[in-house]
Amino acid sequence: MPLIAKAANLWRSLFDKSRLDRELDEELRGYLDATVKKKVDAGMDAAAARRAALAEMGGFEHLKHQVRDVRVGNTVESTLMDVRFAWRSVRQSPGFALVTVLTLALGIGANTAIFGVVNAMLIAPLPYRDASRLVFVWSDMTDAGFPRAPLSGPEVSDLQERSKLCAGFGAIWATQASLTGDGDPEQLRTGLVTTNFFSMLGADAALGRTFGPEDESTTEPETVLLSWALWQRRYGGDRTIVGRRILINNQPGTVVGVMPAEFRLLLPPDASVPDDLQAWQPLNQADLRGGRRGQKYLRVVGRMQPDVTLDQARTEISGIASQISREFNPKGARRLFNTVGLQADDVREVRPGLLALFGGVAILLLIACVNVASLLVARAAARTRETVLKRALGAGYGRLLRQCLVEGLLLATLGAVAGVVLARLGLTLLLTAKPESLSRISRVSIDSTVLAYTCGIALVWGLLFSLAPLTEVFRTDRAECGSLWLASCGICAIEALSKH
């Protein structure tokens, strides 16, 4: 059948069903009358001829159902019918529906909320350009009791000059500075950074620019970069702040840019770099290149070249550490650099706890779905007579299976909707608490990924616990079904004869 003809038939089946039923009824009655007339002409009396014609057709109503079953769009129509039936069934049992939906809402809501946290903390990439290429470099000073120590300025310069597998290394030192002028003096949490820090990190300014080679200085820093929060609070969001000179530690500095509102420095917790620094200035180049090698205070982030693996970068950086040891401390303690993925190191401490919590809520959902399955089985047992009647009227196990699936998926959908509401409420409370161990908790949201996960678990578990009532359906007494089927056929035949 051509596609256009199929579409037209589907439209008529779904939206012009009453007219099609009238036409089908007229056509079947015409066929029945013609068959009866043929038998009467052959010598049978009218009553016997009608009974014989109905027997050949297999029953008037039964034949109508067979014709409907082969129509284009019958599957859609019957599915919609099953949805309406499931909805009526749920509405007629409000207590059962309330208990089932609340049980599912607790399980699905807990899973949705915790998956939102897991997604933001462990799965979603850091909010930097090509974040998978970022690494963090630690100085391994285990012998001195510091297995994860910062690096010195000269060591950062060595990495920048000698590494071939990394596109660059940026360093930061978190400190404090006083801001004066344009209001009351205040202490700021600031960061002194290499001029390539933001470009290497893959973070751009919302207003103005970040630091560049032109900002390098061997004296006091002459430029400053502001956070969005400080710009809004101190300067009222004045866009003319870029290019203005302000006083930092009583030294004038030119504001070159403002970072975006969502920008956070998501470094490992033990790096001692707050994620909400209020301003940044360039590091003194004299201290960076000519400082003491034993003065370790810089936290170092590197960016690997494309197609370079973490193991390759780790091997190269370890080799550079060995070179430095031979050149500057041939008889002393050997230098060791430990290179780790920035994202993995950022969540190193919270990963086991989050995964354990995620496993816990998964078990909670399993228990909730088992309880719902038990409720559905008990409900199916209480509706045995209804099931027997459906079987007697010709409903096959396939149709009963579909009705169970539709009802289960309807309950799972209602539970998922309620679960998302509970999850959003729970995440709101979590965001209010804002635990320090969850550095990226502000990024947690019910986004498309979380909603897809919620829909997935609702679909899977809805299908699984929908199969539970079938144990009662298959236990239906077939003998009773057969007797009721014969009785119903007789009733249908009597009704058909009485109409004519």
Protein backbone atom coordinates (compact mmCIF):
# COMPACT_ATOMS: atom_id res chain seq x y z
CA MET A 1 0.00 0.00 0.00
CA PRO A 2 1.47 3.41 -0.92
CA LEU A 3 2.65 5.56 1.97
CA ILE A 4 0.06 8.29 1.30
CA ALA A 5 -2.77 5.75 1.28
CA LYS A 6 -1.50 4.25 4.55
CA ALA A 7 -1.36 7.69 6.14
CA ALA A 8 -4.91 8.44 4.97
CA ASN A 9 -6.19 5.13 6.35
CA LEU A 10 -4.37 5.78 9.64
CA TRP A 11 -6.01 9.19 9.89
CA ARG A 12 -9.46 7.72 9.28
CA SER A 13 -8.85 4.90 11.78
CA LEU A 14 -7.85 7.32 14.53
CA PHE A 15 -10.05 10.36 13.88
CA ASP A 16 -13.02 9.07 11.86
CA LYS A 17 -13.63 5.81 13.66
CA SER A 18 -17.40 6.19 14.03
CA ARG A 19 -17.95 6.56 10.29
CA LEU A 20 -15.74 3.56 9.56
CA ASP A 21 -17.70 1.49 12.10
CA ARG A 22 -20.99 2.48 10.49
CA GLU A 23 -19.69 1.54 7.06
CA LEU A 24 -18.34 -1.76 8.39
CA ASP A 25 -21.66 -2.52 10.12
CA GLU A 26 -23.60 -1.81 6.92
CA GLU A 27 -21.24 -3.93 4.85
CA LEU A 28 -21.41 -6.92 7.20
CA ARG A 29 -25.19 -6.70 7.51
CA GLY A 30 -25.44 -6.59 3.73
CA TYR A 31 -23.23 -9.68 3.52
CA LEU A 32 -25.31 -11.41 6.21
CA ASP A 33 -28.58 -10.59 4.44
CA ALA A 34 -27.19 -11.83 1.12
CA THR A 35 -26.04 -15.09 2.74
CA VAL A 36 -29.43 -15.59 4.42
CA LYS A 37 -31.27 -14.94 1.14
CA LYS A 38 -29.04 -17.43 -0.65
CA LYS A 39 -29.84 -20.12 1.91
CA VAL A 40 -33.55 -19.32 1.87
CA ASP A 41 -33.55 -19.66 -1.92
CA ALA A 42 -31.89 -23.05 -1.42
CA GLY A 43 -34.96 -24.22 0.58
CA MET A 44 -34.10 -23.34 4.23
CA ASP A 45 -36.57 -21.43 6.40
CA ALA A 46 -35.60 -17.89 7.36
CA ALA A 47 -34.69 -18.58 11.04
CA ALA A 48 -32.50 -21.58 10.20
CA ALA A 49 -30.87 -19.67 7.33
CA ARG A 50 -29.94 -16.77 9.67
CA ARG A 51 -28.50 -19.11 12.30
CA ALA A 52 -26.45 -20.91 9.65
CA ALA A 53 -25.22 -17.62 8.16
CA LEU A 54 -24.16 -16.34 11.58
CA ALA A 55 -22.36 -19.62 12.27
CA GLU A 56 -20.44 -19.35 9.00
CA MET A 57 -19.42 -15.80 9.83
CA GLY A 58 -18.27 -16.88 13.29
CA GLY A 59 -20.53 -14.38 15.00
CA PHE A 60 -21.41 -10.87 13.87
CA GLU A 61 -19.51 -9.00 16.60
CA HIS A 62 -16.58 -11.39 16.47
CA LEU A 63 -16.18 -10.76 12.75
CA LYS A 64 -16.31 -6.99 13.31
CA HIS A 65 -13.44 -7.29 15.80
CA GLN A 66 -11.44 -9.34 13.30
CA VAL A 67 -11.87 -6.66 10.64
CA ARG A 68 -10.87 -3.91 13.08
CA ASP A 69 -7.74 -5.87 14.00
CA VAL A 70 -6.35 -5.64 10.45
CA ARG A 71 -6.99 -1.93 10.03
CA VAL A 72 -4.06 0.45 9.65
CA GLY A 73 -3.51 2.11 13.02
CA ASN A 74 -5.26 -0.60 15.00
CA THR A 75 -2.18 -1.00 17.23
CA VAL A 76 -2.18 2.70 18.04
CA GLU A 77 -5.92 2.68 18.64
CA SER A 78 -5.82 -0.38 20.89
CA THR A 79 -2.85 1.05 22.80
CA LEU A 80 -4.73 4.28 23.42
CA MET A 81 -7.67 2.20 24.54
CA ASP A 82 -5.41 0.34 26.95
CA VAL A 83 -4.09 3.67 28.28
CA ARG A 84 -7.63 4.91 28.88
CA PHE A 85 -8.51 1.62 30.57
CA ALA A 86 -5.40 1.80 32.77
CA TRP A 87 -6.17 5.39 33.73
CA ARG A 88 -9.76 4.52 34.68
CA SER A 89 -8.50 1.55 36.66
CA VAL A 90 -6.03 3.73 38.57
CA ARG A 91 -8.67 6.39 39.26
CA GLN A 92 -11.07 3.76 40.59
CA SER A 93 -8.46 2.63 43.16
CA PRO A 94 -7.12 5.90 44.61
CA GLY A 95 -5.64 4.27 47.71
CA PHE A 96 -3.69 1.73 45.67
CA ALA A 97 -2.57 4.42 43.22
CA LEU A 98 -1.43 6.77 46.00
CA VAL A 99 0.61 4.11 47.81
CA THR A 100 2.17 2.88 44.55
CA VAL A 101 3.05 6.34 43.23
CA LEU A 102 4.52 7.48 46.56
CA THR A 103 6.59 4.31 46.85
CA LEU A 104 7.98 4.81 43.36
CA ALA A 105 8.45 8.55 43.93
CA LEU A 106 10.68 7.91 46.94
CA GLY A 107 12.83 5.41 45.07
CA ILE A 108 13.03 7.31 41.78
CA GLY A 109 13.39 10.70 43.52
CA ALA A 110 16.33 9.55 45.61
CA ASN A 111 18.02 8.04 42.55
CA THR A 112 17.41 11.18 40.49
CA ALA A 113 18.82 13.49 43.17
CA ILE A 114 21.92 11.39 43.84
CA PHE A 115 22.53 10.81 40.13
CA GLY A 116 22.36 14.59 39.66
CA VAL A 117 25.18 14.94 42.19
CA VAL A 118 27.15 12.05 40.69
CA ASN A 119 26.72 13.48 37.20
CA ALA A 120 27.94 16.94 38.23
CA MET A 121 30.82 15.65 40.35
CA LEU A 122 32.06 12.53 38.56
CA ILE A 123 30.66 12.38 35.01
CA ALA A 124 30.19 15.87 33.58
CA PRO A 125 33.47 17.41 32.35
CA LEU A 126 34.98 20.39 34.12
CA PRO A 127 33.68 23.71 32.75
CA TYR A 128 36.87 24.40 30.83
CA ARG A 129 37.77 23.98 27.17
CA ASP A 130 38.82 20.36 26.40
CA ALA A 131 38.88 19.63 30.13
CA SER A 132 39.92 16.00 29.57
CA ARG A 133 43.40 17.25 28.55
CA LEU A 134 44.04 19.05 31.84
CA VAL A 135 46.43 17.55 34.41
CA PHE A 136 47.59 18.56 37.86
CA VAL A 137 51.24 18.20 38.86
CA TRP A 138 52.22 17.47 42.45
CA SER A 139 55.70 17.40 43.95
CA ASP A 140 56.08 14.06 45.72
CA MET A 141 57.92 14.74 48.99
CA THR A 142 56.85 11.60 50.83
CA ASP A 143 60.19 11.36 52.63
CA ALA A 144 59.51 14.75 54.22
CA GLY A 145 55.92 13.84 55.03
CA PHE A 146 54.33 15.72 52.10
CA PRO A 147 53.27 13.29 49.34
CA ARG A 148 51.27 16.01 47.56
CA ALA A 149 53.29 19.21 47.76
CA PRO A 150 53.38 22.30 45.49
CA LEU A 151 56.21 23.19 43.11
CA SER A 152 58.69 26.04 43.08
CA GLY A 153 58.85 28.79 40.46
CA PRO A 154 61.97 27.46 38.72
CA GLU A 155 60.44 23.98 38.54
CA VAL A 156 57.40 25.42 36.76
CA SER A 157 59.74 27.17 34.31
CA ASP A 158 61.55 23.86 33.74
CA LEU A 159 58.28 22.12 32.89
CA GLN A 160 57.28 24.89 30.50
CA GLU A 161 60.61 24.80 28.68
CA ARG A 162 61.28 21.04 28.57
CA SER A 163 57.92 19.40 28.04
CA LYS A 164 57.04 18.39 24.49
CA LEU A 165 53.85 16.45 25.21
CA CYS A 166 52.15 19.27 27.09
CA ALA A 167 51.01 22.48 25.44
CA GLY A 168 51.70 24.50 28.56
CA PHE A 169 51.74 24.73 32.34
CA GLY A 170 50.05 27.37 34.45
CA ALA A 171 50.61 28.04 38.14
CA ILE A 172 48.68 29.77 40.90
CA TRP A 173 49.32 30.85 44.46
CA ALA A 174 46.32 31.72 46.61
CA THR A 175 46.91 34.68 48.92
CA GLN A 176 45.21 37.81 50.22
CA ALA A 177 45.31 41.43 49.25
CA SER A 178 43.74 44.68 50.44
CA LEU A 179 41.49 46.65 48.11
CA THR A 180 41.26 50.39 48.74
CA GLY A 181 39.60 53.28 47.00
CA ASP A 182 36.03 53.38 45.60
CA GLY A 183 34.60 52.60 49.03
CA ASP A 184 35.68 51.09 52.31
CA PRO A 185 38.92 49.05 52.38
CA GLU A 186 38.44 45.28 52.34
CA GLN A 187 40.49 42.12 52.32
CA LEU A 188 40.23 40.04 49.16
CA ARG A 189 41.00 36.38 48.51
CA THR A 190 43.25 36.69 45.49
CA GLY A 191 45.38 34.50 43.29
CA LEU A 192 48.80 35.25 41.82
CA VAL A 193 49.00 33.37 38.50
CA THR A 194 51.25 32.89 35.52
CA THR A 195 50.11 35.03 32.60
CA ASN A 196 49.16 31.91 30.60
CA PHE A 197 47.09 30.43 33.44
CA PHE A 198 43.62 31.25 32.12
CA SER A 199 44.38 30.60 28.45
CA MET A 200 45.96 27.27 29.36
CA LEU A 201 43.03 26.40 31.62
CA GLY A 202 40.60 27.20 28.82
CA ALA A 203 38.64 29.98 30.56
CA ASP A 204 37.77 33.29 28.94
CA ALA A 205 36.74 36.60 30.48
CA ALA A 206 33.13 37.74 30.34
CA LEU A 207 34.24 41.34 30.03
CA GLY A 208 37.60 42.52 28.72
CA ARG A 209 40.35 39.89 28.59
CA THR A 210 42.46 37.60 30.73
CA PHE A 211 46.22 37.93 31.17
CA GLY A 212 48.69 37.70 28.30
CA PRO A 213 52.45 38.03 27.73
CA GLU A 214 52.13 41.82 27.82
CA ASP A 215 51.17 41.58 31.51
CA GLU A 216 54.48 40.01 32.57
CA SER A 217 56.47 42.12 34.99
CA THR A 218 59.52 41.77 37.18
CA THR A 219 58.23 44.33 39.68
CA GLU A 220 54.80 44.78 41.26
CA PRO A 221 51.80 43.51 39.25
CA GLU A 222 50.38 46.25 37.06
CA THR A 223 47.16 44.54 35.96
CA VAL A 224 44.29 42.85 37.77
CA LEU A 225 41.42 40.56 36.81
CA LEU A 226 38.18 40.74 38.83
CA SER A 227 35.62 38.10 39.70
CA TRP A 228 32.01 38.63 38.64
CA ALA A 229 30.81 38.79 42.26
CA LEU A 230 33.34 41.50 43.22
CA TRP A 231 32.53 43.49 40.08
CA GLN A 232 28.82 43.45 40.87
CA ARG A 233 29.15 44.10 44.61
CA ARG A 234 31.95 46.68 44.64
CA TYR A 235 31.45 48.42 41.32
CA GLY A 236 27.75 47.88 40.64
CA GLY A 237 28.36 46.06 37.36
CA ASP A 238 29.85 49.19 35.77
CA ARG A 239 31.19 48.06 32.36
CA THR A 240 33.63 50.95 32.27
CA ILE A 241 35.64 49.19 34.98
CA VAL A 242 37.83 47.67 32.24
CA GLY A 243 40.80 49.99 31.82
CA ARG A 244 40.27 51.71 35.15
CA ARG A 245 43.08 51.78 37.71
CA ILE A 246 42.34 50.52 41.22
CA LEU A 247 44.51 50.12 44.33
CA ILE A 248 45.57 46.60 45.33
CA ASN A 249 47.91 46.52 48.36
CA ASN A 250 48.31 50.28 47.89
CA GLN A 251 49.72 49.66 44.39
CA PRO A 252 47.81 50.85 41.31
CA GLY A 253 46.67 48.14 38.93
CA THR A 254 44.72 48.35 35.69
CA VAL A 255 41.61 46.18 35.46
CA VAL A 256 41.91 44.17 32.26
CA GLY A 257 38.77 42.05 32.57
CA VAL A 258 35.99 40.42 34.58
CA MET A 259 35.52 36.64 34.76
CA PRO A 260 32.08 35.07 34.12
CA ALA A 261 29.60 34.62 36.97
CA GLU A 262 29.80 30.82 36.72
CA PHE A 263 33.62 30.67 36.71
CA ARG A 264 35.11 28.57 39.50
CA LEU A 265 38.66 27.32 40.07
CA LEU A 266 37.88 23.64 40.54
CA LEU A 267 41.23 22.41 41.81
CA PRO A 268 41.83 19.52 44.23
CA PRO A 269 40.68 20.35 47.78
CA ASP A 270 44.17 19.86 49.26
CA ALA A 271 45.62 22.37 46.78
CA SER A 272 44.40 25.08 49.20
CA VAL A 273 43.06 27.23 46.37
CA PRO A 274 39.51 28.48 47.08
CA ASP A 275 37.14 28.11 44.16
CA ASP A 276 35.68 31.58 44.73
CA LEU A 277 38.72 33.84 44.54
CA GLN A 278 37.77 37.49 44.12
CA ALA A 279 40.67 38.79 42.03
CA TRP A 280 43.83 37.65 40.22
CA GLN A 281 47.17 39.28 39.42
CA PRO A 282 50.24 38.12 37.45
CA LEU A 283 53.11 36.44 39.26
CA ASN A 284 56.38 38.30 39.49
CA GLN A 285 58.53 36.88 36.71
CA ALA A 286 61.72 37.34 38.74
CA ASP A 287 60.31 35.11 41.49
CA LEU A 288 59.04 32.62 38.92
CA ARG A 289 62.30 32.07 37.05
CA GLY A 290 64.95 33.15 39.52
CA GLY A 291 63.42 32.10 42.81
CA ARG A 292 64.69 29.46 45.19
CA ARG A 293 64.06 25.88 44.13
CA GLY A 294 63.27 24.88 47.68
CA GLN A 295 60.52 27.49 47.99
CA LYS A 296 57.50 25.41 46.94
CA TYR A 297 54.25 27.33 46.87
CA LEU A 298 52.79 27.03 43.35
CA ARG A 299 49.92 24.77 42.33
CA VAL A 300 50.51 23.68 38.76
CA VAL A 301 47.97 22.78 36.07
CA GLY A 302 49.09 21.48 32.67
CA ARG A 303 47.36 20.92 29.34
CA MET A 304 48.34 17.87 27.31
CA GLN A 305 48.77 18.07 23.57
CA PRO A 306 45.98 16.49 21.49
CA ASP A 307 46.16 12.67 21.30
CA VAL A 308 48.57 12.49 24.25
CA THR A 309 47.55 10.06 26.98
CA LEU A 310 47.87 10.66 30.69
CA ASP A 311 50.42 7.85 31.01
CA GLN A 312 52.59 9.43 28.33
CA ALA A 313 52.44 12.84 30.00
CA ARG A 314 53.16 11.28 33.40
CA THR A 315 56.22 9.49 32.04
CA GLU A 316 57.59 12.64 30.43
CA ILE A 317 57.04 14.82 33.51
CA SER A 318 58.66 12.20 35.73
CA GLY A 319 61.62 12.22 33.35
CA ILE A 320 61.87 16.02 33.65
CA ALA A 321 61.90 15.66 37.45
CA SER A 322 64.81 13.23 37.15
CA GLN A 323 66.69 15.66 34.89
CA ILE A 324 66.23 18.46 37.43
CA SER A 325 67.53 16.20 40.20
CA ARG A 326 70.68 15.34 38.27
CA GLU A 327 71.35 18.97 37.31
CA PHE A 328 70.64 20.83 40.55
CA ASN A 329 70.89 18.28 43.32
CA PRO A 330 73.01 15.36 42.11
CA LYS A 331 73.85 14.05 45.60
CA GLY A 332 70.66 15.03 47.41
CA ALA A 333 67.13 13.74 47.55
CA ARG A 334 65.66 12.75 44.21
CA ARG A 335 62.83 14.94 42.92
CA LEU A 336 59.55 13.22 42.05
CA PHE A 337 56.61 14.73 40.22
CA ASN A 338 53.23 13.02 40.34
CA THR A 339 50.93 13.82 37.42
CA VAL A 340 47.18 13.15 37.69
CA GLY A 341 44.09 14.02 35.67
CA LEU A 342 42.62 17.27 37.01
CA GLN A 343 39.04 16.04 37.12
CA ALA A 344 39.88 12.69 38.69
CA ASP A 345 42.07 14.37 41.34
CA ASP A 346 39.43 16.97 42.09
CA VAL A 347 36.93 14.27 43.18
CA ARG A 348 39.47 11.77 44.53
CA GLU A 349 38.27 12.04 48.11
CA VAL A 350 34.51 12.14 47.51
CA ARG A 351 34.29 9.51 44.74
CA PRO A 352 34.06 6.42 47.04
CA GLY A 353 31.41 8.04 49.22
CA LEU A 354 29.32 9.19 46.25
CA LEU A 355 29.48 5.78 44.57
CA ALA A 356 28.50 4.07 47.83
CA LEU A 357 25.58 6.47 48.23
CA PHE A 358 24.54 5.87 44.62
CA GLY A 359 24.60 2.13 45.24
CA GLY A 360 22.48 2.64 48.35
CA VAL A 361 19.74 4.52 46.55
CA ALA A 362 19.82 1.91 43.77
CA ILE A 363 19.03 -0.73 46.40
CA LEU A 364 16.28 1.55 47.73
CA LEU A 365 14.75 1.71 44.25
CA LEU A 366 14.97 -2.07 43.94
CA ILE A 367 13.10 -2.50 47.23
CA ALA A 368 10.47 0.05 46.15
CA CYS A 369 9.89 -1.73 42.84
CA VAL A 370 9.64 -5.13 44.55
CA ASN A 371 7.00 -3.69 46.86
CA VAL A 372 5.11 -2.23 43.90
CA ALA A 373 5.29 -5.60 42.13
CA SER A 374 3.81 -7.27 45.22
CA LEU A 375 0.99 -4.73 45.26
CA LEU A 376 0.28 -5.39 41.58
CA VAL A 377 0.22 -9.16 42.14
CA ALA A 378 -2.20 -8.77 45.03
CA ARG A 379 -4.37 -6.48 42.90
CA ALA A 380 -4.33 -8.97 40.02
CA ALA A 381 -5.40 -11.74 42.40
CA ALA A 382 -8.34 -9.61 43.55
CA ARG A 383 -9.34 -9.07 39.91
CA THR A 384 -9.36 -12.74 38.95
CA ARG A 385 -13.05 -12.71 37.94
CA GLU A 386 -12.42 -9.70 35.71
CA THR A 387 -9.49 -11.49 34.07
CA VAL A 388 -11.60 -14.63 33.55
CA LEU A 389 -14.32 -12.59 31.89
CA LYS A 390 -11.79 -10.91 29.58
CA ARG A 391 -10.45 -14.32 28.58
CA ALA A 392 -13.97 -15.59 27.98
CA LEU A 393 -14.73 -12.64 25.72
CA GLY A 394 -11.74 -13.49 23.53
CA ALA A 395 -8.88 -11.48 25.05
CA GLY A 396 -5.64 -13.35 24.40
CA TYR A 397 -2.64 -13.48 26.68
CA GLY A 398 -0.93 -10.96 24.40
CA ARG A 399 -3.65 -8.40 24.99
CA LEU A 400 -3.62 -9.02 28.74
CA LEU A 401 0.17 -8.66 28.74
CA ARG A 402 -0.12 -5.33 26.95
CA GLN A 403 -2.70 -4.08 29.44
CA CYS A 404 -0.40 -5.04 32.33
CA LEU A 405 2.51 -3.25 30.68
CA VAL A 406 0.50 -0.12 29.98
CA GLU A 407 -0.80 0.04 33.55
CA GLY A 408 2.68 -0.54 34.97
CA LEU A 409 4.24 2.10 32.73
CA LEU A 410 1.48 4.57 33.64
CA LEU A 411 2.22 4.06 37.34
CA ALA A 412 5.97 4.32 36.66
CA THR A 413 5.42 7.59 34.77
CA LEU A 414 3.37 9.07 37.61
CA GLY A 415 6.03 7.91 40.07
CA ALA A 416 8.79 9.43 37.93
CA VAL A 417 7.03 12.80 37.75
CA ALA A 418 6.53 12.84 41.52
CA GLY A 419 10.11 11.62 41.96
CA VAL A 420 11.52 14.50 39.92
CA VAL A 421 9.59 16.94 42.12
CA LEU A 422 11.02 15.31 45.26
CA ALA A 423 14.51 15.27 43.71
CA ARG A 424 14.34 18.97 42.88
CA LEU A 425 13.26 19.73 46.45
CA GLY A 426 16.08 17.60 47.85
CA LEU A 427 18.69 19.24 45.63
CA THR A 428 17.43 22.67 46.65
CA LEU A 429 18.04 21.76 50.30
CA LEU A 430 21.47 20.34 49.40
CA LEU A 431 22.42 23.51 47.53
CA THR A 432 21.37 25.52 50.55
CA ALA A 433 23.63 23.44 52.80
CA LYS A 434 26.47 23.50 50.22
CA PRO A 435 28.84 21.02 51.89
CA GLU A 436 32.51 21.93 51.48
CA SER A 437 33.45 18.45 50.28
CA LEU A 438 31.28 18.85 47.17
CA SER A 439 33.17 21.60 45.37
CA ARG A 440 30.97 21.52 42.30
CA ILE A 441 27.64 21.23 44.09
CA SER A 442 26.47 24.55 42.63
CA ARG A 443 26.51 22.93 39.17
CA VAL A 444 24.02 20.23 40.20
CA SER A 445 20.70 20.52 38.37
CA ILE A 446 17.92 18.44 36.88
CA ASP A 447 19.23 18.78 33.33
CA SER A 448 18.56 16.73 30.21
CA THR A 449 21.09 14.05 31.23
CA VAL A 450 19.46 13.57 34.64
CA LEU A 451 15.97 13.54 33.09
CA ALA A 452 17.10 10.93 30.56
CA TYR A 453 18.41 8.79 33.41
CA THR A 454 15.11 9.20 35.28
CA CYS A 455 13.09 8.23 32.21
CA GLY A 456 15.37 5.25 31.66
CA ILE A 457 15.01 3.80 35.16
CA ALA A 458 11.25 4.49 35.13
CA LEU A 459 10.92 2.65 31.81
CA VAL A 460 13.08 -0.33 32.80
CA TRP A 461 11.56 -0.84 36.23
CA GLY A 462 8.08 -0.11 34.91
CA LEU A 463 8.46 -2.92 32.38
CA LEU A 464 9.87 -5.30 35.00
CA PHE A 465 7.28 -4.88 37.73
CA SER A 466 4.51 -4.84 35.10
CA LEU A 467 5.27 -8.50 34.41
CA ALA A 468 4.55 -9.51 38.02
CA PRO A 469 0.70 -9.59 37.68
CA LEU A 470 1.03 -12.05 34.77
CA THR A 471 1.69 -14.81 37.30
CA GLU A 472 -1.95 -14.45 38.37
CA VAL A 473 -3.18 -14.14 34.78
CA PHE A 474 -1.53 -17.42 33.73
CA ARG A 475 -2.96 -19.17 36.76
CA THR A 476 -6.49 -18.43 35.59
CA ASP A 477 -8.59 -21.59 35.36
CA ARG A 478 -8.81 -22.34 31.65
CA ALA A 479 -11.74 -24.59 32.18
CA GLU A 480 -13.69 -21.71 33.71
CA CYS A 481 -12.56 -19.50 30.84
CA GLY A 482 -13.86 -22.04 28.34
CA SER A 483 -17.28 -22.32 29.96
CA LEU A 484 -17.68 -18.58 30.19
CA TRP A 485 -16.55 -18.22 26.58
CA LEU A 486 -19.28 -20.61 25.42
CA ALA A 487 -21.84 -18.81 27.53
CA SER A 488 -20.82 -15.44 26.18
CA CYS A 489 -20.99 -16.74 22.61
CA GLY A 490 -24.50 -17.94 23.25
CA ILE A 491 -25.48 -14.58 24.69
CA CYS A 492 -24.00 -12.78 21.70
CA ALA A 493 -25.86 -15.08 19.31
CA ILE A 494 -29.16 -14.52 21.10
CA GLU A 495 -28.61 -10.77 21.08
CA ALA A 496 -27.79 -10.82 17.37
CA LEU A 497 -30.93 -12.85 16.56
CA SER A 498 -33.10 -10.61 18.69
CA LYS A 499 -31.99 -7.60 16.67
CA HIS A 500 -33.26 -9.17 13.49
